[in-house]
Amino acid sequence: PNAEQEQSAISTMVLTNLGWRVQYT
């Protein structure tokens, strides 16, 4: 529901050799 509305999220990010990547959302 409400898929077209702006959503909020929190992600755990880790620094890798390619830059910052999502580890868990």
PDBML (XML) file of the C-alpha atoms, coordinates in Angstrom:
<?xml version="1.0" encoding="UTF-8" ?>
<PDBx:datablock datablockName="MODEL"
   xmlns:PDBx="http://pdbml.pdb.org/schema/pdbx-v50.xsd"
   xmlns:xsi="http://www.w3.org/2001/XMLSchema-instance"
   xsi:schemaLocation="http://pdbml.pdb.org/schema/pdbx-v50.xsd pdbx-v50.xsd">
   <PDBx:atom_siteCategory>
      <PDBx:atom_site id="1">
         <PDBx:B_iso_or_equiv>0.00</PDBx:B_iso_or_equiv>
         <PDBx:Cartn_x>0.000</PDBx:Cartn_x>
         <PDBx:Cartn_y>0.000</PDBx:Cartn_y>
         <PDBx:Cartn_z>0.000</PDBx:Cartn_z>
         <PDBx:auth_asym_id>A</PDBx:auth_asym_id>
         <PDBx:auth_atom_id>CA</PDBx:auth_atom_id>
         <PDBx:auth_comp_id>PRO</PDBx:auth_comp_id>
         <PDBx:auth_seq_id>1</PDBx:auth_seq_id>
         <PDBx:group_PDB>ATOM</PDBx:group_PDB>
         <PDBx:label_alt_id xsi:nil="true" />
         <PDBx:label_asym_id>A</PDBx:label_asym_id>
         <PDBx:label_atom_id>CA</PDBx:label_atom_id>
         <PDBx:label_comp_id>PRO</PDBx:label_comp_id>
         <PDBx:label_entity_id>1</PDBx:label_entity_id>
         <PDBx:label_seq_id>1</PDBx:label_seq_id>
         <PDBx:occupancy>1.00</PDBx:occupancy>
         <PDBx:pdbx_PDB_model_num>1</PDBx:pdbx_PDB_model_num>
         <PDBx:type_symbol>C</PDBx:type_symbol>
      </PDBx:atom_site>
      <PDBx:atom_site id="2">
         <PDBx:B_iso_or_equiv>0.00</PDBx:B_iso_or_equiv>
         <PDBx:Cartn_x>0.989</PDBx:Cartn_x>
         <PDBx:Cartn_y>3.615</PDBx:Cartn_y>
         <PDBx:Cartn_z>-0.628</PDBx:Cartn_z>
         <PDBx:auth_asym_id>A</PDBx:auth_asym_id>
         <PDBx:auth_atom_id>CA</PDBx:auth_atom_id>
         <PDBx:auth_comp_id>ASN</PDBx:auth_comp_id>
         <PDBx:auth_seq_id>2</PDBx:auth_seq_id>
         <PDBx:group_PDB>ATOM</PDBx:group_PDB>
         <PDBx:label_alt_id xsi:nil="true" />
         <PDBx:label_asym_id>A</PDBx:label_asym_id>
         <PDBx:label_atom_id>CA</PDBx:label_atom_id>
         <PDBx:label_comp_id>ASN</PDBx:label_comp_id>
         <PDBx:label_entity_id>1</PDBx:label_entity_id>
         <PDBx:label_seq_id>2</PDBx:label_seq_id>
         <PDBx:occupancy>1.00</PDBx:occupancy>
         <PDBx:pdbx_PDB_model_num>1</PDBx:pdbx_PDB_model_num>
         <PDBx:type_symbol>C</PDBx:type_symbol>
      </PDBx:atom_site>
      <PDBx:atom_site id="3">
         <PDBx:B_iso_or_equiv>0.00</PDBx:B_iso_or_equiv>
         <PDBx:Cartn_x>3.759</PDBx:Cartn_x>
         <PDBx:Cartn_y>2.334</PDBx:Cartn_y>
         <PDBx:Cartn_z>-2.889</PDBx:Cartn_z>
         <PDBx:auth_asym_id>A</PDBx:auth_asym_id>
         <PDBx:auth_atom_id>CA</PDBx:auth_atom_id>
         <PDBx:auth_comp_id>ALA</PDBx:auth_comp_id>
         <PDBx:auth_seq_id>3</PDBx:auth_seq_id>
         <PDBx:group_PDB>ATOM</PDBx:group_PDB>
         <PDBx:label_alt_id xsi:nil="true" />
         <PDBx:label_asym_id>A</PDBx:label_asym_id>
         <PDBx:label_atom_id>CA</PDBx:label_atom_id>
         <PDBx:label_comp_id>ALA</PDBx:label_comp_id>
         <PDBx:label_entity_id>1</PDBx:label_entity_id>
         <PDBx:label_seq_id>3</PDBx:label_seq_id>
         <PDBx:occupancy>1.00</PDBx:occupancy>
         <PDBx:pdbx_PDB_model_num>1</PDBx:pdbx_PDB_model_num>
         <PDBx:type_symbol>C</PDBx:type_symbol>
      </PDBx:atom_site>
      <PDBx:atom_site id="4">
         <PDBx:B_iso_or_equiv>0.00</PDBx:B_iso_or_equiv>
         <PDBx:Cartn_x>3.864</PDBx:Cartn_x>
         <PDBx:Cartn_y>5.577</PDBx:Cartn_y>
         <PDBx:Cartn_z>-4.860</PDBx:Cartn_z>
         <PDBx:auth_asym_id>A</PDBx:auth_asym_id>
         <PDBx:auth_atom_id>CA</PDBx:auth_atom_id>
         <PDBx:auth_comp_id>GLU</PDBx:auth_comp_id>
         <PDBx:auth_seq_id>4</PDBx:auth_seq_id>
         <PDBx:group_PDB>ATOM</PDBx:group_PDB>
         <PDBx:label_alt_id xsi:nil="true" />
         <PDBx:label_asym_id>A</PDBx:label_asym_id>
         <PDBx:label_atom_id>CA</PDBx:label_atom_id>
         <PDBx:label_comp_id>GLU</PDBx:label_comp_id>
         <PDBx:label_entity_id>1</PDBx:label_entity_id>
         <PDBx:label_seq_id>4</PDBx:label_seq_id>
         <PDBx:occupancy>1.00</PDBx:occupancy>
         <PDBx:pdbx_PDB_model_num>1</PDBx:pdbx_PDB_model_num>
         <PDBx:type_symbol>C</PDBx:type_symbol>
      </PDBx:atom_site>
      <PDBx:atom_site id="5">
         <PDBx:B_iso_or_equiv>0.00</PDBx:B_iso_or_equiv>
         <PDBx:Cartn_x>4.400</PDBx:Cartn_x>
         <PDBx:Cartn_y>7.735</PDBx:Cartn_y>
         <PDBx:Cartn_z>-1.793</PDBx:Cartn_z>
         <PDBx:auth_asym_id>A</PDBx:auth_asym_id>
         <PDBx:auth_atom_id>CA</PDBx:auth_atom_id>
         <PDBx:auth_comp_id>GLN</PDBx:auth_comp_id>
         <PDBx:auth_seq_id>5</PDBx:auth_seq_id>
         <PDBx:group_PDB>ATOM</PDBx:group_PDB>
         <PDBx:label_alt_id xsi:nil="true" />
         <PDBx:label_asym_id>A</PDBx:label_asym_id>
         <PDBx:label_atom_id>CA</PDBx:label_atom_id>
         <PDBx:label_comp_id>GLN</PDBx:label_comp_id>
         <PDBx:label_entity_id>1</PDBx:label_entity_id>
         <PDBx:label_seq_id>5</PDBx:label_seq_id>
         <PDBx:occupancy>1.00</PDBx:occupancy>
         <PDBx:pdbx_PDB_model_num>1</PDBx:pdbx_PDB_model_num>
         <PDBx:type_symbol>C</PDBx:type_symbol>
      </PDBx:atom_site>
      <PDBx:atom_site id="6">
         <PDBx:B_iso_or_equiv>0.00</PDBx:B_iso_or_equiv>
         <PDBx:Cartn_x>7.794</PDBx:Cartn_x>
         <PDBx:Cartn_y>8.699</PDBx:Cartn_y>
         <PDBx:Cartn_z>-0.427</PDBx:Cartn_z>
         <PDBx:auth_asym_id>A</PDBx:auth_asym_id>
         <PDBx:auth_atom_id>CA</PDBx:auth_atom_id>
         <PDBx:auth_comp_id>GLU</PDBx:auth_comp_id>
         <PDBx:auth_seq_id>6</PDBx:auth_seq_id>
         <PDBx:group_PDB>ATOM</PDBx:group_PDB>
         <PDBx:label_alt_id xsi:nil="true" />
         <PDBx:label_asym_id>A</PDBx:label_asym_id>
         <PDBx:label_atom_id>CA</PDBx:label_atom_id>
         <PDBx:label_comp_id>GLU</PDBx:label_comp_id>
         <PDBx:label_entity_id>1</PDBx:label_entity_id>
         <PDBx:label_seq_id>6</PDBx:label_seq_id>
         <PDBx:occupancy>1.00</PDBx:occupancy>
         <PDBx:pdbx_PDB_model_num>1</PDBx:pdbx_PDB_model_num>
         <PDBx:type_symbol>C</PDBx:type_symbol>
      </PDBx:atom_site>
      <PDBx:atom_site id="7">
         <PDBx:B_iso_or_equiv>0.00</PDBx:B_iso_or_equiv>
         <PDBx:Cartn_x>9.047</PDBx:Cartn_x>
         <PDBx:Cartn_y>6.064</PDBx:Cartn_y>
         <PDBx:Cartn_z>2.010</PDBx:Cartn_z>
         <PDBx:auth_asym_id>A</PDBx:auth_asym_id>
         <PDBx:auth_atom_id>CA</PDBx:auth_atom_id>
         <PDBx:auth_comp_id>GLN</PDBx:auth_comp_id>
         <PDBx:auth_seq_id>7</PDBx:auth_seq_id>
         <PDBx:group_PDB>ATOM</PDBx:group_PDB>
         <PDBx:label_alt_id xsi:nil="true" />
         <PDBx:label_asym_id>A</PDBx:label_asym_id>
         <PDBx:label_atom_id>CA</PDBx:label_atom_id>
         <PDBx:label_comp_id>GLN</PDBx:label_comp_id>
         <PDBx:label_entity_id>1</PDBx:label_entity_id>
         <PDBx:label_seq_id>7</PDBx:label_seq_id>
         <PDBx:occupancy>1.00</PDBx:occupancy>
         <PDBx:pdbx_PDB_model_num>1</PDBx:pdbx_PDB_model_num>
         <PDBx:type_symbol>C</PDBx:type_symbol>
      </PDBx:atom_site>
      <PDBx:atom_site id="8">
         <PDBx:B_iso_or_equiv>0.00</PDBx:B_iso_or_equiv>
         <PDBx:Cartn_x>11.510</PDBx:Cartn_x>
         <PDBx:Cartn_y>6.085</PDBx:Cartn_y>
         <PDBx:Cartn_z>4.918</PDBx:Cartn_z>
         <PDBx:auth_asym_id>A</PDBx:auth_asym_id>
         <PDBx:auth_atom_id>CA</PDBx:auth_atom_id>
         <PDBx:auth_comp_id>SER</PDBx:auth_comp_id>
         <PDBx:auth_seq_id>8</PDBx:auth_seq_id>
         <PDBx:group_PDB>ATOM</PDBx:group_PDB>
         <PDBx:label_alt_id xsi:nil="true" />
         <PDBx:label_asym_id>A</PDBx:label_asym_id>
         <PDBx:label_atom_id>CA</PDBx:label_atom_id>
         <PDBx:label_comp_id>SER</PDBx:label_comp_id>
         <PDBx:label_entity_id>1</PDBx:label_entity_id>
         <PDBx:label_seq_id>8</PDBx:label_seq_id>
         <PDBx:occupancy>1.00</PDBx:occupancy>
         <PDBx:pdbx_PDB_model_num>1</PDBx:pdbx_PDB_model_num>
         <PDBx:type_symbol>C</PDBx:type_symbol>
      </PDBx:atom_site>
      <PDBx:atom_site id="9">
         <PDBx:B_iso_or_equiv>0.00</PDBx:B_iso_or_equiv>
         <PDBx:Cartn_x>14.201</PDBx:Cartn_x>
         <PDBx:Cartn_y>3.503</PDBx:Cartn_y>
         <PDBx:Cartn_z>5.565</PDBx:Cartn_z>
         <PDBx:auth_asym_id>A</PDBx:auth_asym_id>
         <PDBx:auth_atom_id>CA</PDBx:auth_atom_id>
         <PDBx:auth_comp_id>ALA</PDBx:auth_comp_id>
         <PDBx:auth_seq_id>9</PDBx:auth_seq_id>
         <PDBx:group_PDB>ATOM</PDBx:group_PDB>
         <PDBx:label_alt_id xsi:nil="true" />
         <PDBx:label_asym_id>A</PDBx:label_asym_id>
         <PDBx:label_atom_id>CA</PDBx:label_atom_id>
         <PDBx:label_comp_id>ALA</PDBx:label_comp_id>
         <PDBx:label_entity_id>1</PDBx:label_entity_id>
         <PDBx:label_seq_id>9</PDBx:label_seq_id>
         <PDBx:occupancy>1.00</PDBx:occupancy>
         <PDBx:pdbx_PDB_model_num>1</PDBx:pdbx_PDB_model_num>
         <PDBx:type_symbol>C</PDBx:type_symbol>
      </PDBx:atom_site>
      <PDBx:atom_site id="10">
         <PDBx:B_iso_or_equiv>0.00</PDBx:B_iso_or_equiv>
         <PDBx:Cartn_x>17.257</PDBx:Cartn_x>
         <PDBx:Cartn_y>2.837</PDBx:Cartn_y>
         <PDBx:Cartn_z>7.693</PDBx:Cartn_z>
         <PDBx:auth_asym_id>A</PDBx:auth_asym_id>
         <PDBx:auth_atom_id>CA</PDBx:auth_atom_id>
         <PDBx:auth_comp_id>ILE</PDBx:auth_comp_id>
         <PDBx:auth_seq_id>10</PDBx:auth_seq_id>
         <PDBx:group_PDB>ATOM</PDBx:group_PDB>
         <PDBx:label_alt_id xsi:nil="true" />
         <PDBx:label_asym_id>A</PDBx:label_asym_id>
         <PDBx:label_atom_id>CA</PDBx:label_atom_id>
         <PDBx:label_comp_id>ILE</PDBx:label_comp_id>
         <PDBx:label_entity_id>1</PDBx:label_entity_id>
         <PDBx:label_seq_id>10</PDBx:label_seq_id>
         <PDBx:occupancy>1.00</PDBx:occupancy>
         <PDBx:pdbx_PDB_model_num>1</PDBx:pdbx_PDB_model_num>
         <PDBx:type_symbol>C</PDBx:type_symbol>
      </PDBx:atom_site>
      <PDBx:atom_site id="11">
         <PDBx:B_iso_or_equiv>0.00</PDBx:B_iso_or_equiv>
         <PDBx:Cartn_x>20.257</PDBx:Cartn_x>
         <PDBx:Cartn_y>0.970</PDBx:Cartn_y>
         <PDBx:Cartn_z>6.293</PDBx:Cartn_z>
         <PDBx:auth_asym_id>A</PDBx:auth_asym_id>
         <PDBx:auth_atom_id>CA</PDBx:auth_atom_id>
         <PDBx:auth_comp_id>SER</PDBx:auth_comp_id>
         <PDBx:auth_seq_id>11</PDBx:auth_seq_id>
         <PDBx:group_PDB>ATOM</PDBx:group_PDB>
         <PDBx:label_alt_id xsi:nil="true" />
         <PDBx:label_asym_id>A</PDBx:label_asym_id>
         <PDBx:label_atom_id>CA</PDBx:label_atom_id>
         <PDBx:label_comp_id>SER</PDBx:label_comp_id>
         <PDBx:label_entity_id>1</PDBx:label_entity_id>
         <PDBx:label_seq_id>11</PDBx:label_seq_id>
         <PDBx:occupancy>1.00</PDBx:occupancy>
         <PDBx:pdbx_PDB_model_num>1</PDBx:pdbx_PDB_model_num>
         <PDBx:type_symbol>C</PDBx:type_symbol>
      </PDBx:atom_site>
      <PDBx:atom_site id="12">
         <PDBx:B_iso_or_equiv>0.00</PDBx:B_iso_or_equiv>
         <PDBx:Cartn_x>23.416</PDBx:Cartn_x>
         <PDBx:Cartn_y>-0.300</PDBx:Cartn_y>
         <PDBx:Cartn_z>7.901</PDBx:Cartn_z>
         <PDBx:auth_asym_id>A</PDBx:auth_asym_id>
         <PDBx:auth_atom_id>CA</PDBx:auth_atom_id>
         <PDBx:auth_comp_id>THR</PDBx:auth_comp_id>
         <PDBx:auth_seq_id>12</PDBx:auth_seq_id>
         <PDBx:group_PDB>ATOM</PDBx:group_PDB>
         <PDBx:label_alt_id xsi:nil="true" />
         <PDBx:label_asym_id>A</PDBx:label_asym_id>
         <PDBx:label_atom_id>CA</PDBx:label_atom_id>
         <PDBx:label_comp_id>THR</PDBx:label_comp_id>
         <PDBx:label_entity_id>1</PDBx:label_entity_id>
         <PDBx:label_seq_id>12</PDBx:label_seq_id>
         <PDBx:occupancy>1.00</PDBx:occupancy>
         <PDBx:pdbx_PDB_model_num>1</PDBx:pdbx_PDB_model_num>
         <PDBx:type_symbol>C</PDBx:type_symbol>
      </PDBx:atom_site>
      <PDBx:atom_site id="13">
         <PDBx:B_iso_or_equiv>0.00</PDBx:B_iso_or_equiv>
         <PDBx:Cartn_x>26.276</PDBx:Cartn_x>
         <PDBx:Cartn_y>0.525</PDBx:Cartn_y>
         <PDBx:Cartn_z>5.539</PDBx:Cartn_z>
         <PDBx:auth_asym_id>A</PDBx:auth_asym_id>
         <PDBx:auth_atom_id>CA</PDBx:auth_atom_id>
         <PDBx:auth_comp_id>MET</PDBx:auth_comp_id>
         <PDBx:auth_seq_id>13</PDBx:auth_seq_id>
         <PDBx:group_PDB>ATOM</PDBx:group_PDB>
         <PDBx:label_alt_id xsi:nil="true" />
         <PDBx:label_asym_id>A</PDBx:label_asym_id>
         <PDBx:label_atom_id>CA</PDBx:label_atom_id>
         <PDBx:label_comp_id>MET</PDBx:label_comp_id>
         <PDBx:label_entity_id>1</PDBx:label_entity_id>
         <PDBx:label_seq_id>13</PDBx:label_seq_id>
         <PDBx:occupancy>1.00</PDBx:occupancy>
         <PDBx:pdbx_PDB_model_num>1</PDBx:pdbx_PDB_model_num>
         <PDBx:type_symbol>C</PDBx:type_symbol>
      </PDBx:atom_site>
      <PDBx:atom_site id="14">
         <PDBx:B_iso_or_equiv>0.00</PDBx:B_iso_or_equiv>
         <PDBx:Cartn_x>29.837</PDBx:Cartn_x>
         <PDBx:Cartn_y>-0.739</PDBx:Cartn_y>
         <PDBx:Cartn_z>5.517</PDBx:Cartn_z>
         <PDBx:auth_asym_id>A</PDBx:auth_asym_id>
         <PDBx:auth_atom_id>CA</PDBx:auth_atom_id>
         <PDBx:auth_comp_id>VAL</PDBx:auth_comp_id>
         <PDBx:auth_seq_id>14</PDBx:auth_seq_id>
         <PDBx:group_PDB>ATOM</PDBx:group_PDB>
         <PDBx:label_alt_id xsi:nil="true" />
         <PDBx:label_asym_id>A</PDBx:label_asym_id>
         <PDBx:label_atom_id>CA</PDBx:label_atom_id>
         <PDBx:label_comp_id>VAL</PDBx:label_comp_id>
         <PDBx:label_entity_id>1</PDBx:label_entity_id>
         <PDBx:label_seq_id>14</PDBx:label_seq_id>
         <PDBx:occupancy>1.00</PDBx:occupancy>
         <PDBx:pdbx_PDB_model_num>1</PDBx:pdbx_PDB_model_num>
         <PDBx:type_symbol>C</PDBx:type_symbol>
      </PDBx:atom_site>
      <PDBx:atom_site id="15">
         <PDBx:B_iso_or_equiv>0.00</PDBx:B_iso_or_equiv>
         <PDBx:Cartn_x>32.891</PDBx:Cartn_x>
         <PDBx:Cartn_y>0.671</PDBx:Cartn_y>
         <PDBx:Cartn_z>3.783</PDBx:Cartn_z>
         <PDBx:auth_asym_id>A</PDBx:auth_asym_id>
         <PDBx:auth_atom_id>CA</PDBx:auth_atom_id>
         <PDBx:auth_comp_id>LEU</PDBx:auth_comp_id>
         <PDBx:auth_seq_id>15</PDBx:auth_seq_id>
         <PDBx:group_PDB>ATOM</PDBx:group_PDB>
         <PDBx:label_alt_id xsi:nil="true" />
         <PDBx:label_asym_id>A</PDBx:label_asym_id>
         <PDBx:label_atom_id>CA</PDBx:label_atom_id>
         <PDBx:label_comp_id>LEU</PDBx:label_comp_id>
         <PDBx:label_entity_id>1</PDBx:label_entity_id>
         <PDBx:label_seq_id>15</PDBx:label_seq_id>
         <PDBx:occupancy>1.00</PDBx:occupancy>
         <PDBx:pdbx_PDB_model_num>1</PDBx:pdbx_PDB_model_num>
         <PDBx:type_symbol>C</PDBx:type_symbol>
      </PDBx:atom_site>
      <PDBx:atom_site id="16">
         <PDBx:B_iso_or_equiv>0.00</PDBx:B_iso_or_equiv>
         <PDBx:Cartn_x>34.316</PDBx:Cartn_x>
         <PDBx:Cartn_y>-1.690</PDBx:Cartn_y>
         <PDBx:Cartn_z>1.146</PDBx:Cartn_z>
         <PDBx:auth_asym_id>A</PDBx:auth_asym_id>
         <PDBx:auth_atom_id>CA</PDBx:auth_atom_id>
         <PDBx:auth_comp_id>THR</PDBx:auth_comp_id>
         <PDBx:auth_seq_id>16</PDBx:auth_seq_id>
         <PDBx:group_PDB>ATOM</PDBx:group_PDB>
         <PDBx:label_alt_id xsi:nil="true" />
         <PDBx:label_asym_id>A</PDBx:label_asym_id>
         <PDBx:label_atom_id>CA</PDBx:label_atom_id>
         <PDBx:label_comp_id>THR</PDBx:label_comp_id>
         <PDBx:label_entity_id>1</PDBx:label_entity_id>
         <PDBx:label_seq_id>16</PDBx:label_seq_id>
         <PDBx:occupancy>1.00</PDBx:occupancy>
         <PDBx:pdbx_PDB_model_num>1</PDBx:pdbx_PDB_model_num>
         <PDBx:type_symbol>C</PDBx:type_symbol>
      </PDBx:atom_site>
      <PDBx:atom_site id="17">
         <PDBx:B_iso_or_equiv>0.00</PDBx:B_iso_or_equiv>
         <PDBx:Cartn_x>37.029</PDBx:Cartn_x>
         <PDBx:Cartn_y>-1.387</PDBx:Cartn_y>
         <PDBx:Cartn_z>-1.473</PDBx:Cartn_z>
         <PDBx:auth_asym_id>A</PDBx:auth_asym_id>
         <PDBx:auth_atom_id>CA</PDBx:auth_atom_id>
         <PDBx:auth_comp_id>ASN</PDBx:auth_comp_id>
         <PDBx:auth_seq_id>17</PDBx:auth_seq_id>
         <PDBx:group_PDB>ATOM</PDBx:group_PDB>
         <PDBx:label_alt_id xsi:nil="true" />
         <PDBx:label_asym_id>A</PDBx:label_asym_id>
         <PDBx:label_atom_id>CA</PDBx:label_atom_id>
         <PDBx:label_comp_id>ASN</PDBx:label_comp_id>
         <PDBx:label_entity_id>1</PDBx:label_entity_id>
         <PDBx:label_seq_id>17</PDBx:label_seq_id>
         <PDBx:occupancy>1.00</PDBx:occupancy>
         <PDBx:pdbx_PDB_model_num>1</PDBx:pdbx_PDB_model_num>
         <PDBx:type_symbol>C</PDBx:type_symbol>
      </PDBx:atom_site>
      <PDBx:atom_site id="18">
         <PDBx:B_iso_or_equiv>0.00</PDBx:B_iso_or_equiv>
         <PDBx:Cartn_x>34.273</PDBx:Cartn_x>
         <PDBx:Cartn_y>-0.219</PDBx:Cartn_y>
         <PDBx:Cartn_z>-3.848</PDBx:Cartn_z>
         <PDBx:auth_asym_id>A</PDBx:auth_asym_id>
         <PDBx:auth_atom_id>CA</PDBx:auth_atom_id>
         <PDBx:auth_comp_id>LEU</PDBx:auth_comp_id>
         <PDBx:auth_seq_id>18</PDBx:auth_seq_id>
         <PDBx:group_PDB>ATOM</PDBx:group_PDB>
         <PDBx:label_alt_id xsi:nil="true" />
         <PDBx:label_asym_id>A</PDBx:label_asym_id>
         <PDBx:label_atom_id>CA</PDBx:label_atom_id>
         <PDBx:label_comp_id>LEU</PDBx:label_comp_id>
         <PDBx:label_entity_id>1</PDBx:label_entity_id>
         <PDBx:label_seq_id>18</PDBx:label_seq_id>
         <PDBx:occupancy>1.00</PDBx:occupancy>
         <PDBx:pdbx_PDB_model_num>1</PDBx:pdbx_PDB_model_num>
         <PDBx:type_symbol>C</PDBx:type_symbol>
      </PDBx:atom_site>
      <PDBx:atom_site id="19">
         <PDBx:B_iso_or_equiv>0.00</PDBx:B_iso_or_equiv>
         <PDBx:Cartn_x>32.974</PDBx:Cartn_x>
         <PDBx:Cartn_y>2.440</PDBx:Cartn_y>
         <PDBx:Cartn_z>-1.484</PDBx:Cartn_z>
         <PDBx:auth_asym_id>A</PDBx:auth_asym_id>
         <PDBx:auth_atom_id>CA</PDBx:auth_atom_id>
         <PDBx:auth_comp_id>GLY</PDBx:auth_comp_id>
         <PDBx:auth_seq_id>19</PDBx:auth_seq_id>
         <PDBx:group_PDB>ATOM</PDBx:group_PDB>
         <PDBx:label_alt_id xsi:nil="true" />
         <PDBx:label_asym_id>A</PDBx:label_asym_id>
         <PDBx:label_atom_id>CA</PDBx:label_atom_id>
         <PDBx:label_comp_id>GLY</PDBx:label_comp_id>
         <PDBx:label_entity_id>1</PDBx:label_entity_id>
         <PDBx:label_seq_id>19</PDBx:label_seq_id>
         <PDBx:occupancy>1.00</PDBx:occupancy>
         <PDBx:pdbx_PDB_model_num>1</PDBx:pdbx_PDB_model_num>
         <PDBx:type_symbol>C</PDBx:type_symbol>
      </PDBx:atom_site>
      <PDBx:atom_site id="20">
         <PDBx:B_iso_or_equiv>0.00</PDBx:B_iso_or_equiv>
         <PDBx:Cartn_x>29.992</PDBx:Cartn_x>
         <PDBx:Cartn_y>2.402</PDBx:Cartn_y>
         <PDBx:Cartn_z>0.869</PDBx:Cartn_z>
         <PDBx:auth_asym_id>A</PDBx:auth_asym_id>
         <PDBx:auth_atom_id>CA</PDBx:auth_atom_id>
         <PDBx:auth_comp_id>TRP</PDBx:auth_comp_id>
         <PDBx:auth_seq_id>20</PDBx:auth_seq_id>
         <PDBx:group_PDB>ATOM</PDBx:group_PDB>
         <PDBx:label_alt_id xsi:nil="true" />
         <PDBx:label_asym_id>A</PDBx:label_asym_id>
         <PDBx:label_atom_id>CA</PDBx:label_atom_id>
         <PDBx:label_comp_id>TRP</PDBx:label_comp_id>
         <PDBx:label_entity_id>1</PDBx:label_entity_id>
         <PDBx:label_seq_id>20</PDBx:label_seq_id>
         <PDBx:occupancy>1.00</PDBx:occupancy>
         <PDBx:pdbx_PDB_model_num>1</PDBx:pdbx_PDB_model_num>
         <PDBx:type_symbol>C</PDBx:type_symbol>
      </PDBx:atom_site>
      <PDBx:atom_site id="21">
         <PDBx:B_iso_or_equiv>0.00</PDBx:B_iso_or_equiv>
         <PDBx:Cartn_x>27.622</PDBx:Cartn_x>
         <PDBx:Cartn_y>-0.546</PDBx:Cartn_y>
         <PDBx:Cartn_z>0.416</PDBx:Cartn_z>
         <PDBx:auth_asym_id>A</PDBx:auth_asym_id>
         <PDBx:auth_atom_id>CA</PDBx:auth_atom_id>
         <PDBx:auth_comp_id>ARG</PDBx:auth_comp_id>
         <PDBx:auth_seq_id>21</PDBx:auth_seq_id>
         <PDBx:group_PDB>ATOM</PDBx:group_PDB>
         <PDBx:label_alt_id xsi:nil="true" />
         <PDBx:label_asym_id>A</PDBx:label_asym_id>
         <PDBx:label_atom_id>CA</PDBx:label_atom_id>
         <PDBx:label_comp_id>ARG</PDBx:label_comp_id>
         <PDBx:label_entity_id>1</PDBx:label_entity_id>
         <PDBx:label_seq_id>21</PDBx:label_seq_id>
         <PDBx:occupancy>1.00</PDBx:occupancy>
         <PDBx:pdbx_PDB_model_num>1</PDBx:pdbx_PDB_model_num>
         <PDBx:type_symbol>C</PDBx:type_symbol>
      </PDBx:atom_site>
      <PDBx:atom_site id="22">
         <PDBx:B_iso_or_equiv>0.00</PDBx:B_iso_or_equiv>
         <PDBx:Cartn_x>24.371</PDBx:Cartn_x>
         <PDBx:Cartn_y>-1.578</PDBx:Cartn_y>
         <PDBx:Cartn_z>2.093</PDBx:Cartn_z>
         <PDBx:auth_asym_id>A</PDBx:auth_asym_id>
         <PDBx:auth_atom_id>CA</PDBx:auth_atom_id>
         <PDBx:auth_comp_id>VAL</PDBx:auth_comp_id>
         <PDBx:auth_seq_id>22</PDBx:auth_seq_id>
         <PDBx:group_PDB>ATOM</PDBx:group_PDB>
         <PDBx:label_alt_id xsi:nil="true" />
         <PDBx:label_asym_id>A</PDBx:label_asym_id>
         <PDBx:label_atom_id>CA</PDBx:label_atom_id>
         <PDBx:label_comp_id>VAL</PDBx:label_comp_id>
         <PDBx:label_entity_id>1</PDBx:label_entity_id>
         <PDBx:label_seq_id>22</PDBx:label_seq_id>
         <PDBx:occupancy>1.00</PDBx:occupancy>
         <PDBx:pdbx_PDB_model_num>1</PDBx:pdbx_PDB_model_num>
         <PDBx:type_symbol>C</PDBx:type_symbol>
      </PDBx:atom_site>
      <PDBx:atom_site id="23">
         <PDBx:B_iso_or_equiv>0.00</PDBx:B_iso_or_equiv>
         <PDBx:Cartn_x>24.867</PDBx:Cartn_x>
         <PDBx:Cartn_y>-4.401</PDBx:Cartn_y>
         <PDBx:Cartn_z>4.562</PDBx:Cartn_z>
         <PDBx:auth_asym_id>A</PDBx:auth_asym_id>
         <PDBx:auth_atom_id>CA</PDBx:auth_atom_id>
         <PDBx:auth_comp_id>GLN</PDBx:auth_comp_id>
         <PDBx:auth_seq_id>23</PDBx:auth_seq_id>
         <PDBx:group_PDB>ATOM</PDBx:group_PDB>
         <PDBx:label_alt_id xsi:nil="true" />
         <PDBx:label_asym_id>A</PDBx:label_asym_id>
         <PDBx:label_atom_id>CA</PDBx:label_atom_id>
         <PDBx:label_comp_id>GLN</PDBx:label_comp_id>
         <PDBx:label_entity_id>1</PDBx:label_entity_id>
         <PDBx:label_seq_id>23</PDBx:label_seq_id>
         <PDBx:occupancy>1.00</PDBx:occupancy>
         <PDBx:pdbx_PDB_model_num>1</PDBx:pdbx_PDB_model_num>
         <PDBx:type_symbol>C</PDBx:type_symbol>
      </PDBx:atom_site>
      <PDBx:atom_site id="24">
         <PDBx:B_iso_or_equiv>0.00</PDBx:B_iso_or_equiv>
         <PDBx:Cartn_x>21.353</PDBx:Cartn_x>
         <PDBx:Cartn_y>-4.522</PDBx:Cartn_y>
         <PDBx:Cartn_z>6.007</PDBx:Cartn_z>
         <PDBx:auth_asym_id>A</PDBx:auth_asym_id>
         <PDBx:auth_atom_id>CA</PDBx:auth_atom_id>
         <PDBx:auth_comp_id>TYR</PDBx:auth_comp_id>
         <PDBx:auth_seq_id>24</PDBx:auth_seq_id>
         <PDBx:group_PDB>ATOM</PDBx:group_PDB>
         <PDBx:label_alt_id xsi:nil="true" />
         <PDBx:label_asym_id>A</PDBx:label_asym_id>
         <PDBx:label_atom_id>CA</PDBx:label_atom_id>
         <PDBx:label_comp_id>TYR</PDBx:label_comp_id>
         <PDBx:label_entity_id>1</PDBx:label_entity_id>
         <PDBx:label_seq_id>24</PDBx:label_seq_id>
         <PDBx:occupancy>1.00</PDBx:occupancy>
         <PDBx:pdbx_PDB_model_num>1</PDBx:pdbx_PDB_model_num>
         <PDBx:type_symbol>C</PDBx:type_symbol>
      </PDBx:atom_site>
      <PDBx:atom_site id="25">
         <PDBx:B_iso_or_equiv>0.00</PDBx:B_iso_or_equiv>
         <PDBx:Cartn_x>18.142</PDBx:Cartn_x>
         <PDBx:Cartn_y>-2.566</PDBx:Cartn_y>
         <PDBx:Cartn_z>5.498</PDBx:Cartn_z>
         <PDBx:auth_asym_id>A</PDBx:auth_asym_id>
         <PDBx:auth_atom_id>CA</PDBx:auth_atom_id>
         <PDBx:auth_comp_id>THR</PDBx:auth_comp_id>
         <PDBx:auth_seq_id>25</PDBx:auth_seq_id>
         <PDBx:group_PDB>ATOM</PDBx:group_PDB>
         <PDBx:label_alt_id xsi:nil="true" />
         <PDBx:label_asym_id>A</PDBx:label_asym_id>
         <PDBx:label_atom_id>CA</PDBx:label_atom_id>
         <PDBx:label_comp_id>THR</PDBx:label_comp_id>
         <PDBx:label_entity_id>1</PDBx:label_entity_id>
         <PDBx:label_seq_id>25</PDBx:label_seq_id>
         <PDBx:occupancy>1.00</PDBx:occupancy>
         <PDBx:pdbx_PDB_model_num>1</PDBx:pdbx_PDB_model_num>
         <PDBx:type_symbol>C</PDBx:type_symbol>
      </PDBx:atom_site>
   </PDBx:atom_siteCategory>
</PDBx:datablock>
